């Protein structure tokens, strides 16, 4: 170990312990600041290559009329074409929970209308006062 320290001092570099549990311990002579810089750079490039999943939400009521449905469907198409996942849900207020079937029909109709550009990831499921369905895009289009 003392010889390694002497060598690192002569080369004006740092002695870095790579594997302390090995017998004998494994060390490396290198410029530590440069090593840290390159490690951060590598992590940053890996992070930039990974895709970020964006989830957009569309909210319906159990008695959503035709015009509102069409309007929200256009937004859903836009979100899926941009490559975002879609979380469509029907929110039941007060006693409107008795219209569960209407909410499910509405979400299934949306899934059917969007089947060309998206696929259903999770079928409509009631969670508390919300019936939720997830749709993911078929092809992710990058800008």
N, C-alpha and C. Protein backbone atom coordinates (compact mmCIF):
# COMPACT_ATOMS: atom_id res chain seq x y z
N UNK A 1 0.83 -1.20 0.00
CA UNK A 1 0.00 0.00 0.00
C UNK A 1 0.88 1.26 0.00
N UNK A 2 1.94 1.25 0.77
CA UNK A 2 2.81 2.43 0.85
C UNK A 2 3.50 2.68 -0.49
N UNK A 3 3.80 1.60 -1.21
CA UNK A 3 4.44 1.74 -2.52
C UNK A 3 3.45 2.39 -3.50
N UNK A 4 2.19 1.99 -3.41
CA UNK A 4 1.15 2.56 -4.27
C UNK A 4 0.99 4.04 -3.98
N UNK A 5 1.01 4.42 -2.71
CA UNK A 5 0.91 5.84 -2.34
C UNK A 5 2.09 6.63 -2.91
N UNK A 6 3.29 6.07 -2.83
CA UNK A 6 4.49 6.73 -3.33
C UNK A 6 4.36 6.92 -4.85
N UNK A 7 3.91 5.87 -5.56
CA UNK A 7 3.75 5.95 -7.01
C UNK A 7 2.73 7.03 -7.40
N UNK A 8 1.62 7.08 -6.67
CA UNK A 8 0.59 8.09 -6.98
C UNK A 8 1.10 9.51 -6.72
N UNK A 9 1.91 9.68 -5.66
CA UNK A 9 2.49 11.00 -5.38
C UNK A 9 3.46 11.42 -6.47
N UNK A 10 4.26 10.46 -6.98
CA UNK A 10 5.22 10.76 -8.04
C UNK A 10 4.51 11.21 -9.31
N UNK A 11 3.38 10.57 -9.63
CA UNK A 11 2.64 10.90 -10.86
C UNK A 11 1.66 12.06 -10.65
N UNK A 12 1.58 12.55 -9.42
CA UNK A 12 0.67 13.64 -9.03
C UNK A 12 -0.78 13.29 -9.37
N UNK A 13 -1.15 12.03 -9.07
CA UNK A 13 -2.51 11.55 -9.26
C UNK A 13 -3.03 11.02 -7.92
N UNK A 14 -4.28 10.55 -7.92
CA UNK A 14 -4.90 10.04 -6.70
C UNK A 14 -4.88 8.52 -6.68
N UNK A 15 -4.77 7.95 -5.48
CA UNK A 15 -4.87 6.51 -5.30
C UNK A 15 -6.29 6.21 -4.85
N UNK A 16 -7.04 5.49 -5.68
CA UNK A 16 -8.45 5.22 -5.40
C UNK A 16 -8.63 3.73 -5.12
N UNK A 17 -9.28 3.41 -4.00
CA UNK A 17 -9.53 2.02 -3.64
C UNK A 17 -10.77 1.55 -4.40
N UNK A 18 -10.61 0.56 -5.25
CA UNK A 18 -11.71 0.06 -6.09
C UNK A 18 -12.49 -1.01 -5.36
N UNK A 19 -11.79 -2.01 -4.82
CA UNK A 19 -12.46 -3.12 -4.14
C UNK A 19 -11.80 -3.35 -2.77
N UNK A 20 -12.36 -2.76 -1.71
CA UNK A 20 -11.73 -2.87 -0.39
C UNK A 20 -11.85 -4.27 0.24
N UNK A 21 -12.83 -5.06 -0.18
CA UNK A 21 -13.05 -6.38 0.43
C UNK A 21 -12.16 -7.47 -0.16
N UNK A 22 -11.53 -7.21 -1.30
CA UNK A 22 -10.67 -8.20 -1.93
C UNK A 22 -9.38 -8.35 -1.12
N UNK A 23 -8.71 -9.50 -1.29
CA UNK A 23 -7.43 -9.70 -0.62
C UNK A 23 -6.36 -9.91 -1.67
N UNK A 24 -5.41 -9.09 -1.86
CA UNK A 24 -5.23 -7.76 -1.25
C UNK A 24 -6.20 -6.76 -1.87
N UNK A 25 -6.44 -5.61 -1.19
CA UNK A 25 -7.39 -4.61 -1.71
C UNK A 25 -6.94 -4.09 -3.09
N UNK A 26 -7.90 -3.91 -3.98
CA UNK A 26 -7.60 -3.45 -5.34
C UNK A 26 -7.66 -1.93 -5.38
N UNK A 27 -6.58 -1.32 -5.86
CA UNK A 27 -6.50 0.15 -5.96
C UNK A 27 -6.12 0.54 -7.38
N UNK A 28 -6.38 1.81 -7.70
CA UNK A 28 -6.10 2.31 -9.04
C UNK A 28 -5.55 3.72 -8.92
N UNK A 29 -4.56 4.04 -9.73
CA UNK A 29 -4.01 5.39 -9.72
C UNK A 29 -4.66 6.15 -10.87
N UNK A 30 -5.39 7.23 -10.52
CA UNK A 30 -6.07 8.02 -11.55
C UNK A 30 -6.37 9.42 -11.03
N UNK A 31 -6.80 10.29 -11.94
CA UNK A 31 -7.21 11.64 -11.57
C UNK A 31 -8.67 11.54 -11.10
N UNK A 32 -8.90 11.68 -9.82
CA UNK A 32 -10.22 11.43 -9.23
C UNK A 32 -11.27 12.43 -9.71
N UNK A 33 -10.89 13.70 -9.83
CA UNK A 33 -11.86 14.73 -10.30
C UNK A 33 -12.33 14.41 -11.72
N UNK A 34 -11.39 13.98 -12.57
CA UNK A 34 -11.74 13.63 -13.95
C UNK A 34 -12.64 12.40 -13.97
N UNK A 35 -12.35 11.44 -13.08
CA UNK A 35 -13.15 10.22 -12.97
C UNK A 35 -14.60 10.56 -12.58
N UNK A 36 -14.76 11.44 -11.58
CA UNK A 36 -16.10 11.85 -11.15
C UNK A 36 -16.85 12.58 -12.27
N UNK A 37 -16.12 13.46 -12.98
CA UNK A 37 -16.72 14.21 -14.08
C UNK A 37 -17.25 13.27 -15.16
N UNK A 38 -16.44 12.29 -15.56
CA UNK A 38 -16.84 11.36 -16.60
C UNK A 38 -18.00 10.46 -16.15
N UNK A 39 -18.01 10.12 -14.86
CA UNK A 39 -19.11 9.30 -14.33
C UNK A 39 -20.43 10.08 -14.39
N UNK A 40 -20.40 11.36 -14.00
CA UNK A 40 -21.60 12.21 -14.06
C UNK A 40 -22.07 12.37 -15.50
N UNK A 41 -21.11 12.55 -16.40
CA UNK A 41 -21.42 12.72 -17.82
C UNK A 41 -22.11 11.46 -18.37
N UNK A 42 -21.60 10.28 -17.98
CA UNK A 42 -22.17 9.00 -18.42
C UNK A 42 -23.60 8.84 -17.90
N UNK A 43 -23.82 9.18 -16.62
CA UNK A 43 -25.16 9.08 -16.03
C UNK A 43 -26.13 10.02 -16.71
N UNK A 44 -25.65 11.23 -17.04
CA UNK A 44 -26.51 12.22 -17.70
C UNK A 44 -26.93 11.74 -19.09
N UNK A 45 -26.00 11.14 -19.83
CA UNK A 45 -26.34 10.65 -21.18
C UNK A 45 -27.32 9.49 -21.11
N UNK A 46 -27.17 8.62 -20.10
CA UNK A 46 -28.13 7.52 -19.94
C UNK A 46 -29.51 8.05 -19.58
N UNK A 47 -29.55 9.09 -18.75
CA UNK A 47 -30.82 9.68 -18.33
C UNK A 47 -31.53 10.34 -19.50
N UNK A 48 -30.77 11.01 -20.37
CA UNK A 48 -31.39 11.70 -21.50
C UNK A 48 -31.93 10.72 -22.54
N UNK A 49 -31.33 9.52 -22.62
CA UNK A 49 -31.79 8.53 -23.59
C UNK A 49 -33.08 7.86 -23.16
N UNK A 50 -33.34 7.82 -21.86
CA UNK A 50 -34.56 7.16 -21.38
C UNK A 50 -35.79 8.01 -21.72
N UNK A 51 -36.89 7.34 -22.04
CA UNK A 51 -38.11 8.07 -22.40
C UNK A 51 -38.95 8.34 -21.16
N UNK A 52 -39.51 9.51 -21.12
CA UNK A 52 -40.35 9.91 -20.00
C UNK A 52 -41.80 9.68 -20.38
N UNK A 53 -42.54 8.99 -19.53
CA UNK A 53 -43.94 8.69 -19.81
C UNK A 53 -44.80 9.82 -19.24
N UNK A 54 -45.56 10.45 -20.10
CA UNK A 54 -46.46 11.53 -19.70
C UNK A 54 -47.87 10.96 -19.64
N UNK A 55 -48.57 11.22 -18.54
CA UNK A 55 -49.95 10.75 -18.41
C UNK A 55 -50.89 11.96 -18.44
N UNK A 56 -51.77 11.99 -19.42
CA UNK A 56 -52.76 13.06 -19.55
C UNK A 56 -54.11 12.52 -19.08
N UNK A 57 -54.89 13.38 -18.46
CA UNK A 57 -56.19 12.96 -17.92
C UNK A 57 -57.33 13.61 -18.68
N UNK A 58 -58.40 12.83 -18.84
CA UNK A 58 -59.65 13.37 -19.39
C UNK A 58 -60.77 12.93 -18.46
N UNK A 59 -61.57 13.89 -18.06
CA UNK A 59 -62.62 13.62 -17.06
C UNK A 59 -63.99 13.74 -17.71
N UNK A 60 -64.82 12.76 -17.43
CA UNK A 60 -66.20 12.75 -17.90
C UNK A 60 -67.13 12.70 -16.70
N UNK A 61 -68.37 13.09 -16.94
CA UNK A 61 -69.44 12.87 -15.97
C UNK A 61 -70.25 11.69 -16.47
N UNK A 62 -71.05 11.06 -15.63
CA UNK A 62 -71.82 9.89 -16.09
C UNK A 62 -72.83 10.24 -17.18
N UNK A 63 -73.30 11.49 -17.20
CA UNK A 63 -74.30 11.91 -18.20
C UNK A 63 -73.72 12.91 -19.20
N UNK A 64 -72.49 12.67 -19.66
CA UNK A 64 -71.85 13.56 -20.62
C UNK A 64 -72.59 13.49 -21.95
N UNK A 65 -72.97 14.66 -22.50
CA UNK A 65 -73.73 14.66 -23.76
C UNK A 65 -72.79 14.51 -24.96
N UNK A 66 -73.37 14.36 -26.13
CA UNK A 66 -72.64 14.01 -27.36
C UNK A 66 -71.56 15.03 -27.72
N UNK A 67 -71.91 16.33 -27.68
CA UNK A 67 -70.95 17.36 -28.07
C UNK A 67 -69.73 17.36 -27.16
N UNK A 68 -69.95 17.29 -25.85
CA UNK A 68 -68.84 17.27 -24.90
C UNK A 68 -67.98 16.02 -25.11
N UNK A 69 -68.63 14.91 -25.38
CA UNK A 69 -67.90 13.66 -25.62
C UNK A 69 -66.98 13.81 -26.83
N UNK A 70 -67.51 14.34 -27.92
CA UNK A 70 -66.72 14.51 -29.15
C UNK A 70 -65.54 15.46 -28.91
N UNK A 71 -65.81 16.54 -28.16
CA UNK A 71 -64.79 17.54 -27.85
C UNK A 71 -63.64 16.89 -27.07
N UNK A 72 -63.99 16.10 -26.06
CA UNK A 72 -62.98 15.45 -25.22
C UNK A 72 -62.28 14.32 -25.96
N UNK A 73 -62.98 13.69 -26.89
CA UNK A 73 -62.38 12.62 -27.70
C UNK A 73 -61.28 13.20 -28.59
N UNK A 74 -61.52 14.40 -29.13
CA UNK A 74 -60.50 15.05 -29.97
C UNK A 74 -59.23 15.34 -29.16
N UNK A 75 -59.42 15.78 -27.92
CA UNK A 75 -58.27 16.02 -27.05
C UNK A 75 -57.54 14.72 -26.76
N UNK A 76 -58.29 13.65 -26.53
CA UNK A 76 -57.69 12.34 -26.25
C UNK A 76 -56.86 11.88 -27.45
N UNK A 77 -57.38 12.07 -28.66
CA UNK A 77 -56.65 11.70 -29.88
C UNK A 77 -55.35 12.49 -29.97
N UNK A 78 -55.42 13.78 -29.67
CA UNK A 78 -54.23 14.63 -29.72
C UNK A 78 -53.17 14.14 -28.73
N UNK A 79 -53.60 13.80 -27.50
CA UNK A 79 -52.67 13.33 -26.47
C UNK A 79 -51.99 12.03 -26.90
N UNK A 80 -52.78 11.10 -27.46
CA UNK A 80 -52.22 9.81 -27.87
C UNK A 80 -51.27 9.98 -29.05
N UNK A 81 -51.58 10.88 -29.97
CA UNK A 81 -50.70 11.12 -31.11
C UNK A 81 -49.38 11.75 -30.68
N UNK A 82 -49.40 12.50 -29.58
CA UNK A 82 -48.18 13.10 -29.04
C UNK A 82 -47.33 12.06 -28.31
N UNK A 83 -47.91 10.88 -28.05
CA UNK A 83 -47.16 9.83 -27.39
C UNK A 83 -47.41 9.72 -25.89
N UNK A 84 -48.40 10.45 -25.38
CA UNK A 84 -48.70 10.41 -23.95
C UNK A 84 -49.71 9.31 -23.65
N UNK A 85 -49.64 8.77 -22.43
CA UNK A 85 -50.66 7.81 -22.00
C UNK A 85 -51.90 8.60 -21.63
N UNK A 86 -53.04 7.96 -21.71
CA UNK A 86 -54.30 8.64 -21.41
C UNK A 86 -54.97 7.97 -20.23
N UNK A 87 -55.38 8.79 -19.27
CA UNK A 87 -56.14 8.29 -18.12
C UNK A 87 -57.52 8.92 -18.25
N UNK A 88 -58.48 8.12 -18.70
CA UNK A 88 -59.85 8.61 -18.85
C UNK A 88 -60.64 8.14 -17.65
N UNK A 89 -61.37 9.05 -17.04
CA UNK A 89 -62.18 8.63 -15.90
C UNK A 89 -63.51 9.34 -15.85
N UNK A 90 -64.47 8.62 -15.29
CA UNK A 90 -65.81 9.17 -15.07
C UNK A 90 -65.91 9.43 -13.58
N UNK A 91 -66.25 10.66 -13.23
CA UNK A 91 -66.34 11.04 -11.81
C UNK A 91 -67.81 11.08 -11.41
N UNK A 92 -68.15 10.31 -10.39
CA UNK A 92 -69.53 10.25 -9.91
C UNK A 92 -69.68 11.15 -8.68
N UNK A 93 -70.56 12.16 -8.79
CA UNK A 93 -70.82 13.07 -7.67
C UNK A 93 -72.11 12.67 -6.99
N UNK A 94 -72.10 12.66 -5.69
CA UNK A 94 -73.32 12.41 -4.93
C UNK A 94 -74.01 11.11 -5.30
N UNK A 95 -75.28 11.22 -5.68
CA UNK A 95 -76.07 10.02 -6.00
C UNK A 95 -75.87 9.52 -7.42
N UNK A 96 -75.04 10.21 -8.20
CA UNK A 96 -74.84 9.78 -9.60
C UNK A 96 -74.13 8.43 -9.68
N UNK A 97 -73.70 7.89 -8.55
CA UNK A 97 -73.05 6.58 -8.52
C UNK A 97 -74.00 5.48 -9.01
N UNK A 98 -75.30 5.77 -9.03
CA UNK A 98 -76.25 4.77 -9.53
C UNK A 98 -76.14 4.60 -11.05
N UNK A 99 -75.41 5.51 -11.72
CA UNK A 99 -75.23 5.42 -13.17
C UNK A 99 -73.90 4.76 -13.53
N UNK A 100 -73.47 3.79 -12.73
CA UNK A 100 -72.18 3.10 -12.98
C UNK A 100 -72.12 2.52 -14.38
N UNK A 101 -73.23 1.91 -14.81
CA UNK A 101 -73.25 1.27 -16.13
C UNK A 101 -73.04 2.30 -17.23
N UNK A 102 -73.68 3.48 -17.08
CA UNK A 102 -73.51 4.53 -18.09
C UNK A 102 -72.05 4.98 -18.18
N UNK A 103 -71.40 5.08 -17.03
CA UNK A 103 -69.98 5.47 -17.00
C UNK A 103 -69.12 4.44 -17.70
N UNK A 104 -69.41 3.17 -17.45
CA UNK A 104 -68.63 2.10 -18.08
C UNK A 104 -68.86 2.08 -19.59
N UNK A 105 -70.10 2.27 -20.00
CA UNK A 105 -70.43 2.31 -21.43
C UNK A 105 -69.69 3.46 -22.11
N UNK A 106 -69.64 4.61 -21.44
CA UNK A 106 -68.97 5.80 -21.96
C UNK A 106 -67.47 5.53 -22.17
N UNK A 107 -66.83 4.92 -21.18
CA UNK A 107 -65.39 4.64 -21.29
C UNK A 107 -65.10 3.58 -22.35
N UNK A 108 -65.94 2.56 -22.42
CA UNK A 108 -65.74 1.53 -23.44
C UNK A 108 -65.95 2.08 -24.85
N UNK A 109 -66.89 3.02 -24.98
CA UNK A 109 -67.13 3.68 -26.27
C UNK A 109 -65.89 4.50 -26.67
N UNK A 110 -65.30 5.19 -25.69
CA UNK A 110 -64.08 5.96 -25.95
C UNK A 110 -62.96 5.03 -26.40
N UNK A 111 -62.81 3.89 -25.74
CA UNK A 111 -61.77 2.92 -26.11
C UNK A 111 -61.99 2.42 -27.53
N UNK A 112 -63.24 2.18 -27.88
CA UNK A 112 -63.57 1.69 -29.21
C UNK A 112 -63.27 2.76 -30.27
N UNK A 113 -63.59 4.03 -29.95
CA UNK A 113 -63.34 5.12 -30.89
C UNK A 113 -61.85 5.39 -31.09
N UNK A 114 -61.05 5.08 -30.06
CA UNK A 114 -59.61 5.37 -30.13
C UNK A 114 -58.76 4.14 -30.44
N UNK A 115 -59.39 3.02 -30.82
CA UNK A 115 -58.64 1.78 -30.99
C UNK A 115 -57.63 1.84 -32.13
N UNK A 116 -57.79 2.77 -33.09
CA UNK A 116 -56.83 2.87 -34.20
C UNK A 116 -55.51 3.48 -33.74
N UNK A 117 -55.56 4.38 -32.76
CA UNK A 117 -54.33 5.06 -32.33
C UNK A 117 -53.87 4.66 -30.93
N UNK A 118 -54.71 3.95 -30.18
CA UNK A 118 -54.32 3.55 -28.84
C UNK A 118 -54.89 2.21 -28.44
N UNK A 119 -54.22 1.58 -27.48
CA UNK A 119 -54.74 0.29 -27.00
C UNK A 119 -55.04 0.41 -25.50
N UNK A 120 -56.07 -0.30 -25.07
CA UNK A 120 -56.50 -0.24 -23.68
C UNK A 120 -55.49 -0.99 -22.82
N UNK A 121 -54.97 -0.29 -21.83
CA UNK A 121 -54.00 -0.88 -20.93
C UNK A 121 -54.71 -1.47 -19.71
N UNK A 122 -55.76 -0.76 -19.27
CA UNK A 122 -56.55 -1.25 -18.13
C UNK A 122 -58.01 -0.95 -18.42
N UNK A 123 -58.84 -1.96 -18.35
CA UNK A 123 -60.28 -1.80 -18.60
C UNK A 123 -60.91 -0.95 -17.50
N UNK A 124 -62.09 -0.36 -17.75
CA UNK A 124 -62.73 0.49 -16.73
C UNK A 124 -62.90 -0.25 -15.40
N UNK A 125 -62.45 0.43 -14.34
CA UNK A 125 -62.49 -0.16 -13.02
C UNK A 125 -62.93 0.92 -12.03
N UNK A 126 -63.85 0.57 -11.15
CA UNK A 126 -64.38 1.54 -10.19
C UNK A 126 -63.45 1.62 -8.98
N UNK A 127 -62.97 2.83 -8.68
CA UNK A 127 -62.13 3.07 -7.51
C UNK A 127 -62.76 4.23 -6.75
N UNK A 128 -63.50 3.91 -5.70
CA UNK A 128 -64.18 4.95 -4.94
C UNK A 128 -65.27 5.58 -5.77
N UNK A 129 -65.16 6.90 -6.00
CA UNK A 129 -66.17 7.61 -6.80
C UNK A 129 -65.72 7.82 -8.24
N UNK A 130 -64.62 7.17 -8.65
CA UNK A 130 -64.12 7.31 -10.01
C UNK A 130 -64.09 5.95 -10.69
N UNK A 131 -64.44 5.95 -11.97
CA UNK A 131 -64.25 4.76 -12.80
C UNK A 131 -63.13 5.11 -13.77
N UNK A 132 -62.00 4.39 -13.65
CA UNK A 132 -60.78 4.76 -14.36
C UNK A 132 -60.43 3.73 -15.44
N UNK A 133 -59.91 4.25 -16.58
CA UNK A 133 -59.43 3.41 -17.65
C UNK A 133 -58.16 4.04 -18.22
N UNK A 134 -57.14 3.20 -18.51
CA UNK A 134 -55.89 3.69 -19.09
C UNK A 134 -55.79 3.24 -20.54
N UNK A 135 -55.35 4.17 -21.40
CA UNK A 135 -55.11 3.88 -22.82
C UNK A 135 -53.70 4.35 -23.15
N UNK A 136 -52.92 3.48 -23.80
CA UNK A 136 -51.56 3.87 -24.20
C UNK A 136 -51.50 3.97 -25.72
N UNK A 137 -50.62 4.83 -26.24
CA UNK A 137 -50.52 4.99 -27.70
C UNK A 137 -49.93 3.76 -28.36
N UNK A 138 -50.36 3.48 -29.60
CA UNK A 138 -49.82 2.33 -30.33
C UNK A 138 -48.43 2.63 -30.86
N UNK A 139 -48.24 3.80 -31.43
CA UNK A 139 -46.94 4.21 -31.93
C UNK A 139 -46.54 5.52 -31.23
N UNK A 140 -45.33 5.54 -30.70
CA UNK A 140 -44.86 6.77 -30.05
C UNK A 140 -44.17 7.61 -31.12
N UNK A 141 -44.71 8.81 -31.31
CA UNK A 141 -44.18 9.72 -32.32
C UNK A 141 -43.37 10.80 -31.60
N UNK A 142 -42.07 10.87 -31.90
CA UNK A 142 -41.21 11.88 -31.26
C UNK A 142 -41.22 13.15 -32.09
N UNK A 143 -41.12 14.28 -31.37
CA UNK A 143 -41.12 15.58 -32.05
C UNK A 143 -39.75 15.87 -32.63
